[in-house]
Amino acid sequence: MYLQRAADAAKYGRISDDPYLDLTVPSLADPSLAPEGGHVMSVYAQYSPYNLRDGDWTVARDTLAARVIDTLARHAPGLPDRIRHVQVVTPKDLEVTYGMTGGHPFHGEPALDQLFVSRPVYGWAQYRTPVEGLYLCGAGAHPGGGLTGGPGANAAREILRDLGVPLGAR
């Protein structure tokens, strides 16, 4: 129900009271990212609407930040007092700054109907498109977005197959 409520809020143009949060702490692997004794936390608040029903993102970014921090604080008491800086990147920011249409870093929502054999659409899950020689290798291809390189590696494997290159060859 938690995920459904978070998704429903976005579906109706609202910011969830309890957003679904996906977070990483990159400074654990690279301490140079933060001052000594501190950390950097990157939080992806899933299901933020591109178009808000009321208002716009210039004002709503503070609301989103507050709700994310409140949600985190329920699981990590004392965290809000340790936060030194917050940067909110809205779906509109993703589109304007990075060219991600509709603010989708995964080239569409990674919902159940857009995963595996249906990513990005049914029939195109093996990286090939109806255009001969055109392959998909971005965030819209399986396994999706992020910095894994997975879609590119998978597309390269299919290209090599189509060219008749033995997969064990280098």
N, C-alpha and C. Protein backbone atom coordinates (compact mmCIF):
# COMPACT_ATOMS: atom_id res chain seq x y z
N MET A 1 0.81 -1.20 0.00
CA MET A 1 0.00 0.00 0.00
C MET A 1 0.86 1.27 0.00
N TYR A 2 2.01 1.21 0.66
CA TYR A 2 2.89 2.37 0.74
C TYR A 2 3.29 2.85 -0.65
N LEU A 3 3.76 1.93 -1.48
CA LEU A 3 4.17 2.29 -2.84
C LEU A 3 2.99 2.79 -3.65
N GLN A 4 1.84 2.15 -3.48
CA GLN A 4 0.65 2.56 -4.23
C GLN A 4 0.24 3.98 -3.87
N ARG A 5 0.28 4.32 -2.59
CA ARG A 5 -0.08 5.68 -2.17
C ARG A 5 0.90 6.70 -2.74
N ALA A 6 2.18 6.36 -2.73
CA ALA A 6 3.19 7.29 -3.28
C ALA A 6 2.97 7.49 -4.77
N ALA A 7 2.68 6.41 -5.48
CA ALA A 7 2.45 6.49 -6.93
C ALA A 7 1.14 7.22 -7.23
N ASP A 8 0.12 6.97 -6.43
CA ASP A 8 -1.17 7.63 -6.65
C ASP A 8 -1.06 9.14 -6.50
N ALA A 9 -0.28 9.60 -5.52
CA ALA A 9 -0.11 11.04 -5.34
C ALA A 9 0.42 11.67 -6.63
N ALA A 10 1.44 11.07 -7.21
CA ALA A 10 2.02 11.60 -8.45
C ALA A 10 1.02 11.51 -9.60
N LYS A 11 0.29 10.42 -9.65
CA LYS A 11 -0.70 10.23 -10.72
C LYS A 11 -1.72 11.38 -10.73
N TYR A 12 -2.02 11.89 -9.55
CA TYR A 12 -3.00 12.98 -9.45
C TYR A 12 -2.33 14.34 -9.27
N GLY A 13 -1.03 14.43 -9.59
CA GLY A 13 -0.34 15.71 -9.62
C GLY A 13 0.07 16.25 -8.27
N ARG A 14 0.17 15.38 -7.28
CA ARG A 14 0.54 15.83 -5.94
C ARG A 14 1.89 15.23 -5.53
N ILE A 15 2.51 15.86 -4.56
CA ILE A 15 3.72 15.32 -3.94
C ILE A 15 3.27 14.43 -2.80
N SER A 16 3.78 13.23 -2.76
CA SER A 16 3.37 12.27 -1.74
C SER A 16 3.75 12.75 -0.34
N ASP A 17 2.86 12.49 0.62
CA ASP A 17 3.18 12.77 2.01
C ASP A 17 4.29 11.83 2.49
N ASP A 18 4.33 10.64 1.92
CA ASP A 18 5.32 9.62 2.26
C ASP A 18 5.96 9.10 0.98
N PRO A 19 6.86 9.86 0.38
CA PRO A 19 7.44 9.42 -0.89
C PRO A 19 8.27 8.15 -0.75
N TYR A 20 8.28 7.37 -1.80
CA TYR A 20 9.13 6.18 -1.86
C TYR A 20 10.54 6.68 -2.13
N LEU A 21 11.48 6.31 -1.28
CA LEU A 21 12.84 6.83 -1.38
C LEU A 21 13.83 5.72 -1.71
N ASP A 22 14.68 6.03 -2.65
CA ASP A 22 15.76 5.15 -3.06
C ASP A 22 17.03 5.95 -2.78
N LEU A 23 17.86 5.48 -1.85
CA LEU A 23 19.00 6.32 -1.49
C LEU A 23 20.32 5.58 -1.52
N THR A 24 21.36 6.36 -1.73
CA THR A 24 22.73 5.85 -1.71
C THR A 24 23.58 6.84 -0.91
N VAL A 25 24.70 6.34 -0.43
CA VAL A 25 25.66 7.18 0.29
C VAL A 25 27.01 6.98 -0.41
N PRO A 26 27.23 7.70 -1.51
CA PRO A 26 28.44 7.48 -2.30
C PRO A 26 29.73 7.80 -1.56
N SER A 27 29.66 8.62 -0.53
CA SER A 27 30.87 8.97 0.21
C SER A 27 31.38 7.79 1.05
N LEU A 28 30.59 6.74 1.20
CA LEU A 28 31.10 5.53 1.87
C LEU A 28 32.19 4.88 1.01
N ALA A 29 32.00 4.92 -0.29
CA ALA A 29 32.99 4.35 -1.21
C ALA A 29 34.08 5.36 -1.57
N ASP A 30 33.74 6.65 -1.54
CA ASP A 30 34.71 7.68 -1.90
C ASP A 30 34.61 8.82 -0.88
N PRO A 31 35.35 8.73 0.21
CA PRO A 31 35.29 9.74 1.27
C PRO A 31 35.64 11.16 0.81
N SER A 32 36.30 11.30 -0.32
CA SER A 32 36.67 12.63 -0.80
C SER A 32 35.45 13.45 -1.23
N LEU A 33 34.30 12.82 -1.32
CA LEU A 33 33.09 13.54 -1.73
C LEU A 33 32.51 14.43 -0.64
N ALA A 34 32.95 14.22 0.60
CA ALA A 34 32.39 14.97 1.73
C ALA A 34 33.50 15.43 2.65
N PRO A 35 33.23 16.46 3.46
CA PRO A 35 34.21 16.87 4.46
C PRO A 35 34.49 15.73 5.44
N GLU A 36 35.66 15.73 6.04
CA GLU A 36 36.03 14.67 6.97
C GLU A 36 34.95 14.51 8.05
N GLY A 37 34.55 13.27 8.27
CA GLY A 37 33.52 12.98 9.27
C GLY A 37 32.10 13.13 8.75
N GLY A 38 31.95 13.60 7.52
CA GLY A 38 30.62 13.80 6.95
C GLY A 38 30.36 12.84 5.81
N HIS A 39 29.17 12.91 5.27
CA HIS A 39 28.79 12.06 4.16
C HIS A 39 27.90 12.81 3.18
N VAL A 40 27.82 12.28 2.00
CA VAL A 40 26.89 12.75 0.97
C VAL A 40 25.84 11.67 0.80
N MET A 41 24.58 12.06 0.83
CA MET A 41 23.50 11.12 0.61
C MET A 41 22.73 11.58 -0.62
N SER A 42 22.53 10.67 -1.53
CA SER A 42 21.74 10.96 -2.73
C SER A 42 20.41 10.23 -2.57
N VAL A 43 19.33 10.97 -2.66
CA VAL A 43 18.00 10.39 -2.46
C VAL A 43 17.17 10.60 -3.72
N TYR A 44 16.67 9.51 -4.26
CA TYR A 44 15.77 9.59 -5.40
C TYR A 44 14.36 9.36 -4.88
N ALA A 45 13.55 10.41 -4.92
CA ALA A 45 12.16 10.33 -4.45
C ALA A 45 11.30 9.89 -5.63
N GLN A 46 10.97 8.63 -5.65
CA GLN A 46 10.19 8.08 -6.76
C GLN A 46 8.78 8.68 -6.77
N TYR A 47 8.25 8.75 -7.95
CA TYR A 47 6.86 9.14 -8.18
C TYR A 47 6.60 10.61 -7.90
N SER A 48 7.52 11.48 -8.27
CA SER A 48 7.24 12.91 -8.22
C SER A 48 6.60 13.30 -9.54
N PRO A 49 5.48 14.01 -9.49
CA PRO A 49 4.78 14.34 -10.74
C PRO A 49 5.53 15.37 -11.56
N TYR A 50 5.45 15.23 -12.86
CA TYR A 50 6.04 16.23 -13.75
C TYR A 50 5.21 17.51 -13.69
N ASN A 51 3.90 17.36 -13.82
CA ASN A 51 2.97 18.49 -13.74
C ASN A 51 2.25 18.45 -12.40
N LEU A 52 2.37 19.52 -11.65
CA LEU A 52 1.68 19.61 -10.37
C LEU A 52 0.25 20.10 -10.56
N ARG A 53 -0.65 19.52 -9.83
CA ARG A 53 -2.06 19.94 -9.93
C ARG A 53 -2.22 21.37 -9.41
N ASP A 54 -1.52 21.68 -8.32
CA ASP A 54 -1.59 23.02 -7.72
C ASP A 54 -0.18 23.58 -7.60
N GLY A 55 0.03 24.76 -8.13
CA GLY A 55 1.33 25.41 -8.00
C GLY A 55 2.32 24.94 -9.05
N ASP A 56 3.58 25.28 -8.81
CA ASP A 56 4.64 24.87 -9.72
C ASP A 56 5.87 24.47 -8.92
N TRP A 57 6.85 23.92 -9.61
CA TRP A 57 8.02 23.37 -8.94
C TRP A 57 8.92 24.42 -8.31
N THR A 58 8.82 25.69 -8.71
CA THR A 58 9.69 26.69 -8.08
C THR A 58 9.37 26.82 -6.59
N VAL A 59 8.13 26.61 -6.23
CA VAL A 59 7.72 26.66 -4.82
C VAL A 59 7.68 25.25 -4.23
N ALA A 60 7.22 24.29 -5.00
CA ALA A 60 7.00 22.93 -4.49
C ALA A 60 8.29 22.18 -4.18
N ARG A 61 9.41 22.61 -4.70
CA ARG A 61 10.67 21.91 -4.41
C ARG A 61 10.95 21.89 -2.91
N ASP A 62 10.58 22.97 -2.19
CA ASP A 62 10.78 22.99 -0.74
C ASP A 62 9.85 22.01 -0.04
N THR A 63 8.64 21.86 -0.55
CA THR A 63 7.70 20.89 0.00
C THR A 63 8.24 19.48 -0.18
N LEU A 64 8.74 19.19 -1.37
CA LEU A 64 9.31 17.87 -1.63
C LEU A 64 10.49 17.61 -0.69
N ALA A 65 11.38 18.57 -0.54
CA ALA A 65 12.53 18.40 0.35
C ALA A 65 12.08 18.10 1.77
N ALA A 66 11.11 18.84 2.25
CA ALA A 66 10.62 18.64 3.63
C ALA A 66 10.00 17.26 3.80
N ARG A 67 9.25 16.79 2.82
CA ARG A 67 8.62 15.47 2.94
C ARG A 67 9.65 14.35 2.86
N VAL A 68 10.67 14.54 2.04
CA VAL A 68 11.73 13.53 1.97
C VAL A 68 12.46 13.47 3.31
N ILE A 69 12.81 14.62 3.86
CA ILE A 69 13.53 14.66 5.13
C ILE A 69 12.67 14.10 6.26
N ASP A 70 11.37 14.43 6.27
CA ASP A 70 10.47 13.88 7.29
C ASP A 70 10.39 12.35 7.20
N THR A 71 10.33 11.85 5.97
CA THR A 71 10.28 10.39 5.77
C THR A 71 11.56 9.75 6.25
N LEU A 72 12.70 10.32 5.90
CA LEU A 72 13.99 9.79 6.36
C LEU A 72 14.10 9.84 7.88
N ALA A 73 13.63 10.92 8.49
CA ALA A 73 13.75 11.10 9.93
C ALA A 73 12.98 10.04 10.72
N ARG A 74 11.91 9.52 10.15
CA ARG A 74 11.16 8.45 10.83
C ARG A 74 12.00 7.18 10.96
N HIS A 75 12.94 7.01 10.05
CA HIS A 75 13.79 5.82 10.05
C HIS A 75 15.19 6.10 10.57
N ALA A 76 15.58 7.36 10.57
CA ALA A 76 16.91 7.76 11.04
C ALA A 76 16.77 9.00 11.91
N PRO A 77 16.29 8.79 13.16
CA PRO A 77 16.11 9.94 14.06
C PRO A 77 17.40 10.74 14.20
N GLY A 78 17.28 12.04 14.25
CA GLY A 78 18.45 12.90 14.38
C GLY A 78 19.07 13.31 13.06
N LEU A 79 18.68 12.65 11.98
CA LEU A 79 19.26 12.98 10.68
C LEU A 79 19.03 14.43 10.27
N PRO A 80 17.83 14.98 10.44
CA PRO A 80 17.62 16.37 9.99
C PRO A 80 18.61 17.37 10.60
N ASP A 81 19.03 17.15 11.84
CA ASP A 81 19.97 18.07 12.48
C ASP A 81 21.37 17.97 11.90
N ARG A 82 21.65 16.92 11.16
CA ARG A 82 22.98 16.71 10.60
C ARG A 82 23.09 17.16 9.14
N ILE A 83 21.98 17.52 8.54
CA ILE A 83 21.98 17.92 7.13
C ILE A 83 22.55 19.33 7.01
N ARG A 84 23.55 19.48 6.14
CA ARG A 84 24.20 20.77 5.93
C ARG A 84 23.75 21.44 4.63
N HIS A 85 23.33 20.66 3.68
CA HIS A 85 22.93 21.22 2.38
C HIS A 85 21.93 20.27 1.72
N VAL A 86 20.96 20.83 1.03
CA VAL A 86 19.97 20.05 0.29
C VAL A 86 19.89 20.62 -1.12
N GLN A 87 19.91 19.75 -2.08
CA GLN A 87 19.68 20.15 -3.47
C GLN A 87 18.52 19.31 -3.98
N VAL A 88 17.48 19.96 -4.45
CA VAL A 88 16.32 19.25 -4.98
C VAL A 88 16.32 19.39 -6.50
N VAL A 89 16.30 18.27 -7.17
CA VAL A 89 16.22 18.25 -8.63
C VAL A 89 14.84 17.70 -8.98
N THR A 90 13.99 18.55 -9.53
CA THR A 90 12.61 18.17 -9.83
C THR A 90 12.53 17.52 -11.22
N PRO A 91 11.39 16.91 -11.51
CA PRO A 91 11.23 16.37 -12.87
C PRO A 91 11.40 17.45 -13.95
N LYS A 92 10.94 18.65 -13.68
CA LYS A 92 11.13 19.75 -14.64
C LYS A 92 12.61 20.06 -14.81
N ASP A 93 13.36 20.04 -13.71
CA ASP A 93 14.81 20.27 -13.78
C ASP A 93 15.49 19.21 -14.63
N LEU A 94 15.08 17.95 -14.47
CA LEU A 94 15.67 16.86 -15.24
C LEU A 94 15.47 17.08 -16.74
N GLU A 95 14.30 17.60 -17.09
CA GLU A 95 14.03 17.84 -18.51
C GLU A 95 14.82 19.03 -19.03
N VAL A 96 14.77 20.14 -18.30
CA VAL A 96 15.43 21.36 -18.76
C VAL A 96 16.96 21.23 -18.75
N THR A 97 17.50 20.68 -17.68
CA THR A 97 18.95 20.61 -17.52
C THR A 97 19.59 19.48 -18.30
N TYR A 98 18.93 18.30 -18.28
CA TYR A 98 19.56 17.11 -18.85
C TYR A 98 18.85 16.56 -20.08
N GLY A 99 17.77 17.20 -20.49
CA GLY A 99 17.06 16.75 -21.69
C GLY A 99 16.27 15.47 -21.49
N MET A 100 15.94 15.13 -20.26
CA MET A 100 15.16 13.92 -19.98
C MET A 100 13.68 14.22 -20.11
N THR A 101 13.13 13.91 -21.26
CA THR A 101 11.75 14.24 -21.57
C THR A 101 10.81 13.79 -20.46
N GLY A 102 9.97 14.70 -20.00
CA GLY A 102 9.02 14.40 -18.95
C GLY A 102 9.65 14.19 -17.59
N GLY A 103 10.96 14.46 -17.48
CA GLY A 103 11.64 14.27 -16.21
C GLY A 103 11.86 12.82 -15.84
N HIS A 104 11.94 11.95 -16.84
CA HIS A 104 12.09 10.51 -16.61
C HIS A 104 13.54 10.07 -16.80
N PRO A 105 14.29 9.86 -15.72
CA PRO A 105 15.67 9.39 -15.88
C PRO A 105 15.75 7.96 -16.41
N PHE A 106 14.64 7.24 -16.37
CA PHE A 106 14.63 5.86 -16.86
C PHE A 106 13.93 5.75 -18.21
N HIS A 107 13.73 6.88 -18.89
CA HIS A 107 13.01 6.92 -20.18
C HIS A 107 11.64 6.29 -20.04
N GLY A 108 10.90 6.68 -19.05
CA GLY A 108 9.59 6.12 -18.73
C GLY A 108 9.66 5.49 -17.36
N GLU A 109 8.54 5.29 -16.76
CA GLU A 109 8.51 4.72 -15.42
C GLU A 109 8.87 3.24 -15.45
N PRO A 110 9.71 2.79 -14.54
CA PRO A 110 10.04 1.37 -14.48
C PRO A 110 8.97 0.58 -13.73
N ALA A 111 7.75 0.65 -14.24
CA ALA A 111 6.63 -0.06 -13.62
C ALA A 111 6.58 -1.49 -14.17
N LEU A 112 5.77 -2.33 -13.55
CA LEU A 112 5.70 -3.73 -13.94
C LEU A 112 5.37 -3.93 -15.41
N ASP A 113 4.55 -3.02 -15.97
CA ASP A 113 4.17 -3.18 -17.38
C ASP A 113 5.26 -2.69 -18.34
N GLN A 114 6.39 -2.21 -17.80
CA GLN A 114 7.49 -1.74 -18.65
C GLN A 114 8.82 -2.38 -18.26
N LEU A 115 8.76 -3.60 -17.78
CA LEU A 115 9.99 -4.30 -17.41
C LEU A 115 10.18 -5.54 -18.27
N PHE A 116 11.37 -6.07 -18.25
CA PHE A 116 11.75 -7.31 -18.93
C PHE A 116 11.34 -7.30 -20.40
N VAL A 117 10.42 -8.17 -20.82
CA VAL A 117 10.06 -8.28 -22.24
C VAL A 117 9.25 -7.09 -22.73
N SER A 118 8.87 -6.20 -21.84
CA SER A 118 8.08 -5.03 -22.23
C SER A 118 8.87 -3.73 -22.12
N ARG A 119 10.19 -3.82 -22.01
CA ARG A 119 10.99 -2.61 -21.88
C ARG A 119 11.75 -2.36 -23.16
N PRO A 120 11.58 -1.27 -23.83
CA PRO A 120 10.72 -0.14 -23.51
C PRO A 120 9.27 -0.38 -23.91
N VAL A 121 9.03 -1.19 -24.91
CA VAL A 121 7.67 -1.60 -25.29
C VAL A 121 7.73 -3.07 -25.69
N TYR A 122 6.60 -3.71 -25.62
CA TYR A 122 6.55 -5.13 -25.94
C TYR A 122 7.06 -5.36 -27.37
N GLY A 123 7.95 -6.32 -27.52
CA GLY A 123 8.50 -6.65 -28.83
C GLY A 123 9.87 -6.06 -29.10
N TRP A 124 10.29 -5.12 -28.28
CA TRP A 124 11.60 -4.49 -28.49
C TRP A 124 12.57 -4.80 -27.35
N ALA A 125 12.31 -5.80 -26.57
CA ALA A 125 13.10 -6.08 -25.38
C ALA A 125 14.48 -6.67 -25.68
N GLN A 126 14.74 -7.07 -26.90
CA GLN A 126 16.05 -7.65 -27.22
C GLN A 126 16.96 -6.63 -27.90
N TYR A 127 16.70 -5.34 -27.63
CA TYR A 127 17.55 -4.23 -28.06
C TYR A 127 17.42 -3.89 -29.54
N ARG A 128 16.81 -4.75 -30.33
CA ARG A 128 16.59 -4.47 -31.75
C ARG A 128 15.32 -3.66 -31.92
N THR A 129 15.28 -2.88 -32.97
CA THR A 129 14.09 -2.11 -33.30
C THR A 129 13.63 -2.55 -34.69
N PRO A 130 12.45 -2.09 -35.11
CA PRO A 130 12.02 -2.41 -36.48
C PRO A 130 12.92 -1.80 -37.56
N VAL A 131 13.77 -0.86 -37.20
CA VAL A 131 14.70 -0.25 -38.15
C VAL A 131 15.98 -1.08 -38.14
N GLU A 132 16.27 -1.73 -39.25
CA GLU A 132 17.43 -2.60 -39.32
C GLU A 132 18.70 -1.85 -38.96
N GLY A 133 19.49 -2.42 -38.07
CA GLY A 133 20.76 -1.82 -37.65
C GLY A 133 20.62 -0.79 -36.54
N LEU A 134 19.40 -0.51 -36.10
CA LEU A 134 19.19 0.43 -35.00
C LEU A 134 18.88 -0.36 -33.73
N TYR A 135 19.70 -0.15 -32.71
CA TYR A 135 19.57 -0.88 -31.46
C TYR A 135 19.34 0.12 -30.33
N LEU A 136 18.65 -0.32 -29.29
CA LEU A 136 18.42 0.50 -28.11
C LEU A 136 19.42 0.11 -27.04
N CYS A 137 20.04 1.12 -26.42
CA CYS A 137 21.01 0.80 -25.37
C CYS A 137 20.97 1.82 -24.24
N GLY A 138 19.94 2.62 -24.16
CA GLY A 138 19.85 3.64 -23.11
C GLY A 138 19.02 3.18 -21.94
N ALA A 139 18.63 4.14 -21.12
CA ALA A 139 17.89 3.87 -19.90
C ALA A 139 16.52 3.24 -20.17
N GLY A 140 16.01 3.38 -21.39
CA GLY A 140 14.72 2.79 -21.72
C GLY A 140 14.80 1.31 -22.04
N ALA A 141 16.01 0.77 -22.16
CA ALA A 141 16.20 -0.65 -22.45
C ALA A 141 16.47 -1.41 -21.15
N HIS A 142 16.21 -2.70 -21.15
CA HIS A 142 16.46 -3.53 -19.97
C HIS A 142 17.95 -3.55 -19.66
N PRO A 143 18.42 -3.46 -18.46
CA PRO A 143 17.67 -3.44 -17.21
C PRO A 143 17.27 -2.06 -16.72
N GLY A 144 17.39 -1.04 -17.53
CA GLY A 144 16.89 0.27 -17.15
C GLY A 144 17.98 1.29 -16.91
N GLY A 145 17.58 2.34 -16.21
CA GLY A 145 18.46 3.48 -16.00
C GLY A 145 19.52 3.26 -14.96
N GLY A 146 20.15 4.33 -14.59
CA GLY A 146 21.26 4.27 -13.66
C GLY A 146 22.57 4.24 -14.42
N LEU A 147 23.64 4.06 -13.70
CA LEU A 147 24.97 4.08 -14.31
C LEU A 147 25.58 2.69 -14.34
N THR A 148 24.78 1.70 -14.63
CA THR A 148 25.27 0.33 -14.62
C THR A 148 26.00 -0.04 -15.90
N GLY A 149 25.63 0.57 -17.01
CA GLY A 149 26.17 0.18 -18.30
C GLY A 149 25.50 -1.08 -18.84
N GLY A 150 24.57 -1.63 -18.08
CA GLY A 150 23.90 -2.87 -18.47
C GLY A 150 23.21 -2.82 -19.82
N PRO A 151 22.39 -1.80 -20.09
CA PRO A 151 21.73 -1.76 -21.40
C PRO A 151 22.72 -1.71 -22.56
N GLY A 152 23.81 -0.96 -22.41
CA GLY A 152 24.82 -0.87 -23.47
C GLY A 152 25.54 -2.18 -23.69
N ALA A 153 25.90 -2.84 -22.59
CA ALA A 153 26.58 -4.14 -22.70
C ALA A 153 25.66 -5.17 -23.36
N ASN A 154 24.40 -5.16 -22.97
CA ASN A 154 23.44 -6.11 -23.56
C ASN A 154 23.21 -5.83 -25.04
N ALA A 155 23.08 -4.54 -25.39
CA ALA A 155 22.89 -4.20 -26.80
C ALA A 155 24.12 -4.58 -27.62
N ALA A 156 25.31 -4.35 -27.08
CA ALA A 156 26.54 -4.72 -27.79
C ALA A 156 26.59 -6.23 -28.05
N ARG A 157 26.16 -7.01 -27.07
CA ARG A 157 26.13 -8.47 -27.24
C ARG A 157 25.20 -8.86 -28.39
N GLU A 158 24.05 -8.22 -28.49
CA GLU A 158 23.10 -8.53 -29.57
C GLU A 158 23.63 -8.07 -30.92
N ILE A 159 24.32 -6.94 -30.95
CA ILE A 159 24.92 -6.46 -32.20
C ILE A 159 25.96 -7.46 -32.69
N LEU A 160 26.81 -7.92 -31.77
CA LEU A 160 27.83 -8.91 -32.14
C LEU A 160 27.18 -10.19 -32.66
N ARG A 161 26.11 -10.62 -32.02
CA ARG A 161 25.39 -11.81 -32.50
C ARG A 161 24.90 -11.59 -33.93
N ASP A 162 24.28 -10.41 -34.14
CA ASP A 162 23.73 -10.13 -35.48
C ASP A 162 24.83 -10.04 -36.54
N LEU A 163 26.02 -9.65 -36.14
CA LEU A 163 27.14 -9.58 -37.06
C LEU A 163 27.83 -10.92 -37.23
N GLY A 164 27.40 -11.91 -36.44
CA GLY A 164 27.98 -13.25 -36.56
C GLY A 164 29.29 -13.41 -35.82
N VAL A 165 29.60 -12.48 -34.92
CA VAL A 165 30.83 -12.58 -34.14
C VAL A 165 30.60 -13.56 -33.00
N PRO A 166 31.44 -14.59 -32.88
CA PRO A 166 31.28 -15.53 -31.77
C PRO A 166 31.38 -14.79 -30.44
N LEU A 167 30.47 -15.10 -29.51
CA LEU A 167 30.43 -14.36 -28.25
C LEU A 167 31.67 -14.56 -27.39
N GLY A 168 32.39 -15.63 -27.58
CA GLY A 168 33.62 -15.84 -26.82
C GLY A 168 34.80 -15.08 -27.39
N ALA A 169 34.67 -14.56 -28.63
CA ALA A 169 35.78 -13.86 -29.30
C ALA A 169 35.91 -12.44 -28.76
N ARG A 170 37.13 -11.93 -28.86
CA ARG A 170 37.34 -10.53 -28.41
C ARG A 170 37.94 -9.72 -29.52
